[in-house]
N, C-alpha and C. Protein backbone atom coordinates (compact mmCIF):
# COMPACT_ATOMS: atom_id res chain seq x y z
N MET A 1 0.47 -4.77 -3.21
CA MET A 1 -0.32 -3.75 -2.56
C MET A 1 -1.68 -4.34 -2.24
N TRP A 2 -2.21 -3.97 -1.08
CA TRP A 2 -3.52 -4.47 -0.66
C TRP A 2 -4.38 -3.33 -0.11
N THR A 3 -5.69 -3.56 -0.12
CA THR A 3 -6.67 -2.61 0.42
C THR A 3 -7.71 -3.39 1.20
N ILE A 4 -8.00 -2.93 2.40
CA ILE A 4 -9.05 -3.51 3.24
C ILE A 4 -10.04 -2.41 3.57
N LYS A 5 -11.34 -2.67 3.37
CA LYS A 5 -12.36 -1.71 3.77
C LYS A 5 -13.25 -2.37 4.81
N ASN A 6 -13.42 -1.69 5.93
CA ASN A 6 -14.27 -2.20 7.00
C ASN A 6 -15.71 -1.80 6.73
N ASN A 7 -16.52 -2.75 6.28
CA ASN A 7 -17.94 -2.52 6.03
C ASN A 7 -18.80 -2.90 7.21
N SER A 8 -18.18 -3.30 8.33
CA SER A 8 -18.96 -3.65 9.51
C SER A 8 -19.25 -2.39 10.33
N SER A 9 -19.99 -2.57 11.40
CA SER A 9 -20.35 -1.44 12.26
C SER A 9 -19.45 -1.34 13.49
N GLU A 10 -18.38 -2.14 13.53
CA GLU A 10 -17.47 -2.09 14.68
C GLU A 10 -16.01 -2.10 14.23
N LYS A 11 -15.15 -1.59 15.10
CA LYS A 11 -13.71 -1.62 14.83
C LYS A 11 -13.29 -3.08 14.62
N SER A 12 -12.43 -3.32 13.62
CA SER A 12 -12.12 -4.70 13.25
C SER A 12 -10.63 -4.91 13.02
N ASN A 13 -10.22 -6.15 13.23
CA ASN A 13 -8.87 -6.61 12.91
C ASN A 13 -9.00 -7.63 11.78
N TYR A 14 -8.06 -7.60 10.85
CA TYR A 14 -8.08 -8.51 9.71
C TYR A 14 -6.76 -9.25 9.63
N SER A 15 -6.84 -10.53 9.29
CA SER A 15 -5.62 -11.29 9.02
C SER A 15 -5.89 -12.19 7.81
N TRP A 16 -4.85 -12.35 6.99
CA TRP A 16 -4.99 -13.21 5.83
C TRP A 16 -3.66 -13.83 5.47
N ASP A 17 -3.75 -15.04 4.92
CA ASP A 17 -2.59 -15.76 4.42
C ASP A 17 -2.63 -15.70 2.90
N TRP A 18 -1.46 -15.58 2.30
CA TRP A 18 -1.38 -15.53 0.84
C TRP A 18 -0.20 -16.35 0.35
N GLU A 19 -0.28 -16.73 -0.92
CA GLU A 19 0.83 -17.43 -1.56
C GLU A 19 0.99 -16.93 -2.99
N ALA A 20 2.21 -16.92 -3.46
CA ALA A 20 2.53 -16.61 -4.85
C ALA A 20 2.95 -17.91 -5.51
N VAL A 21 2.29 -18.23 -6.64
CA VAL A 21 2.52 -19.50 -7.33
C VAL A 21 2.98 -19.20 -8.75
N ASP A 22 4.04 -19.90 -9.21
CA ASP A 22 4.52 -19.65 -10.57
C ASP A 22 3.70 -20.45 -11.59
N ALA A 23 4.01 -20.29 -12.86
CA ALA A 23 3.26 -20.91 -13.94
C ALA A 23 3.28 -22.44 -13.88
N ASN A 24 4.27 -23.01 -13.19
CA ASN A 24 4.36 -24.47 -13.04
C ASN A 24 3.59 -24.98 -11.83
N GLY A 25 2.96 -24.06 -11.07
CA GLY A 25 2.21 -24.45 -9.88
C GLY A 25 3.05 -24.54 -8.62
N THR A 26 4.29 -24.06 -8.69
CA THR A 26 5.19 -24.11 -7.53
C THR A 26 5.01 -22.86 -6.68
N ARG A 27 4.81 -23.05 -5.40
CA ARG A 27 4.73 -21.91 -4.49
C ARG A 27 6.12 -21.30 -4.35
N VAL A 28 6.25 -20.02 -4.66
CA VAL A 28 7.55 -19.36 -4.62
C VAL A 28 7.64 -18.34 -3.47
N GLU A 29 6.54 -18.05 -2.82
CA GLU A 29 6.53 -17.11 -1.68
C GLU A 29 5.21 -17.30 -0.96
N ASN A 30 5.20 -17.07 0.34
CA ASN A 30 3.95 -17.04 1.11
C ASN A 30 4.18 -16.26 2.39
N SER A 31 3.09 -15.76 2.96
CA SER A 31 3.20 -15.00 4.20
C SER A 31 1.82 -14.78 4.80
N THR A 32 1.80 -14.14 5.94
CA THR A 32 0.57 -13.75 6.62
C THR A 32 0.60 -12.24 6.82
N GLN A 33 -0.52 -11.60 6.59
CA GLN A 33 -0.64 -10.16 6.78
C GLN A 33 -1.63 -9.89 7.92
N LEU A 34 -1.46 -8.77 8.58
CA LEU A 34 -2.33 -8.38 9.68
C LEU A 34 -2.57 -6.88 9.62
N GLU A 35 -3.82 -6.50 9.75
CA GLU A 35 -4.19 -5.08 9.82
C GLU A 35 -5.14 -4.94 11.01
N THR A 36 -4.81 -4.07 11.96
CA THR A 36 -5.59 -3.97 13.19
C THR A 36 -6.28 -2.62 13.32
N ASP A 37 -7.35 -2.63 14.12
CA ASP A 37 -8.07 -1.43 14.53
C ASP A 37 -8.57 -0.58 13.36
N VAL A 38 -9.14 -1.23 12.34
CA VAL A 38 -9.73 -0.51 11.23
C VAL A 38 -11.13 -0.06 11.65
N GLN A 39 -11.39 1.22 11.64
CA GLN A 39 -12.66 1.78 12.10
C GLN A 39 -13.78 1.49 11.10
N PRO A 40 -15.04 1.48 11.55
CA PRO A 40 -16.17 1.27 10.63
C PRO A 40 -16.12 2.28 9.48
N GLY A 41 -16.28 1.79 8.25
CA GLY A 41 -16.25 2.64 7.07
C GLY A 41 -14.86 3.04 6.60
N GLN A 42 -13.85 2.75 7.39
CA GLN A 42 -12.48 3.15 7.06
C GLN A 42 -11.84 2.16 6.08
N THR A 43 -10.97 2.69 5.22
CA THR A 43 -10.18 1.88 4.30
C THR A 43 -8.72 1.94 4.72
N ALA A 44 -8.07 0.79 4.75
CA ALA A 44 -6.64 0.71 5.08
C ALA A 44 -5.92 0.11 3.87
N THR A 45 -4.77 0.67 3.54
CA THR A 45 -3.97 0.14 2.44
C THR A 45 -2.56 -0.13 2.91
N GLY A 46 -1.86 -0.98 2.20
CA GLY A 46 -0.48 -1.26 2.54
C GLY A 46 0.16 -2.12 1.47
N GLU A 47 1.39 -2.47 1.70
CA GLU A 47 2.10 -3.35 0.79
C GLU A 47 3.08 -4.19 1.58
N PHE A 48 3.51 -5.28 0.97
CA PHE A 48 4.44 -6.20 1.62
C PHE A 48 5.55 -6.52 0.63
N PRO A 49 6.78 -6.19 0.96
CA PRO A 49 7.88 -6.49 0.04
C PRO A 49 8.16 -7.99 -0.01
N THR A 50 8.56 -8.47 -1.17
CA THR A 50 8.93 -9.88 -1.33
C THR A 50 10.32 -9.97 -1.96
N THR A 51 10.82 -11.16 -2.03
CA THR A 51 12.12 -11.39 -2.67
C THR A 51 11.97 -11.91 -4.09
N LEU A 52 10.75 -11.86 -4.64
CA LEU A 52 10.54 -12.32 -6.01
C LEU A 52 11.35 -11.46 -6.98
N LYS A 53 12.01 -12.11 -7.91
CA LYS A 53 12.80 -11.38 -8.90
C LYS A 53 11.94 -10.86 -10.04
N THR A 54 10.77 -11.48 -10.27
CA THR A 54 9.84 -11.04 -11.30
C THR A 54 8.43 -11.45 -10.90
N THR A 55 7.43 -10.78 -11.45
CA THR A 55 6.05 -11.18 -11.22
C THR A 55 5.44 -11.80 -12.47
N LYS A 56 6.25 -11.96 -13.51
CA LYS A 56 5.77 -12.56 -14.76
C LYS A 56 5.35 -14.01 -14.50
N GLY A 57 4.11 -14.32 -14.85
CA GLY A 57 3.60 -15.67 -14.68
C GLY A 57 3.22 -16.03 -13.25
N ILE A 58 3.28 -15.07 -12.33
CA ILE A 58 2.97 -15.34 -10.93
C ILE A 58 1.49 -15.11 -10.66
N LYS A 59 0.86 -16.04 -9.97
CA LYS A 59 -0.53 -15.91 -9.55
C LYS A 59 -0.55 -15.75 -8.03
N LEU A 60 -1.28 -14.78 -7.53
CA LEU A 60 -1.40 -14.54 -6.10
C LEU A 60 -2.70 -15.12 -5.60
N ASN A 61 -2.62 -15.99 -4.60
CA ASN A 61 -3.80 -16.62 -4.00
C ASN A 61 -3.94 -16.20 -2.55
N ILE A 62 -5.14 -15.85 -2.15
CA ILE A 62 -5.46 -15.64 -0.74
C ILE A 62 -5.94 -16.99 -0.23
N THR A 63 -5.22 -17.59 0.73
CA THR A 63 -5.54 -18.94 1.17
C THR A 63 -6.39 -18.97 2.43
N SER A 64 -6.44 -17.86 3.17
CA SER A 64 -7.38 -17.74 4.30
C SER A 64 -7.59 -16.26 4.60
N PHE A 65 -8.73 -15.93 5.16
CA PHE A 65 -9.05 -14.54 5.50
C PHE A 65 -9.94 -14.56 6.73
N ASP A 66 -9.63 -13.67 7.69
CA ASP A 66 -10.40 -13.65 8.93
C ASP A 66 -10.58 -12.22 9.43
N ARG A 67 -11.78 -11.92 9.91
CA ARG A 67 -12.05 -10.62 10.55
C ARG A 67 -12.50 -10.89 11.97
N THR A 68 -11.91 -10.18 12.92
CA THR A 68 -12.33 -10.25 14.30
C THR A 68 -12.59 -8.85 14.82
N ALA A 69 -13.37 -8.75 15.88
CA ALA A 69 -13.68 -7.45 16.48
C ALA A 69 -12.44 -6.87 17.12
N GLY A 70 -12.20 -5.56 16.89
CA GLY A 70 -11.10 -4.87 17.55
C GLY A 70 -11.59 -4.33 18.89
N TYR A 71 -10.68 -4.19 19.84
CA TYR A 71 -11.07 -3.68 21.17
C TYR A 71 -10.29 -2.46 21.53
């Protein structure tokens, strides 16, 4: 589950890359998320299903994050 809050003064688009890494340091899942047209002051939430069989010992890393102006 994720939450994005637009603290800017303009409509914004957000994109981020993430990875799930197990206790041995092996990447077991990764993907890119996109949330568009988030209004100033607005909060957007969502979730992304994975094929992980368990989350025990899994660390979630955000590997890149970008905000651009929405039009």
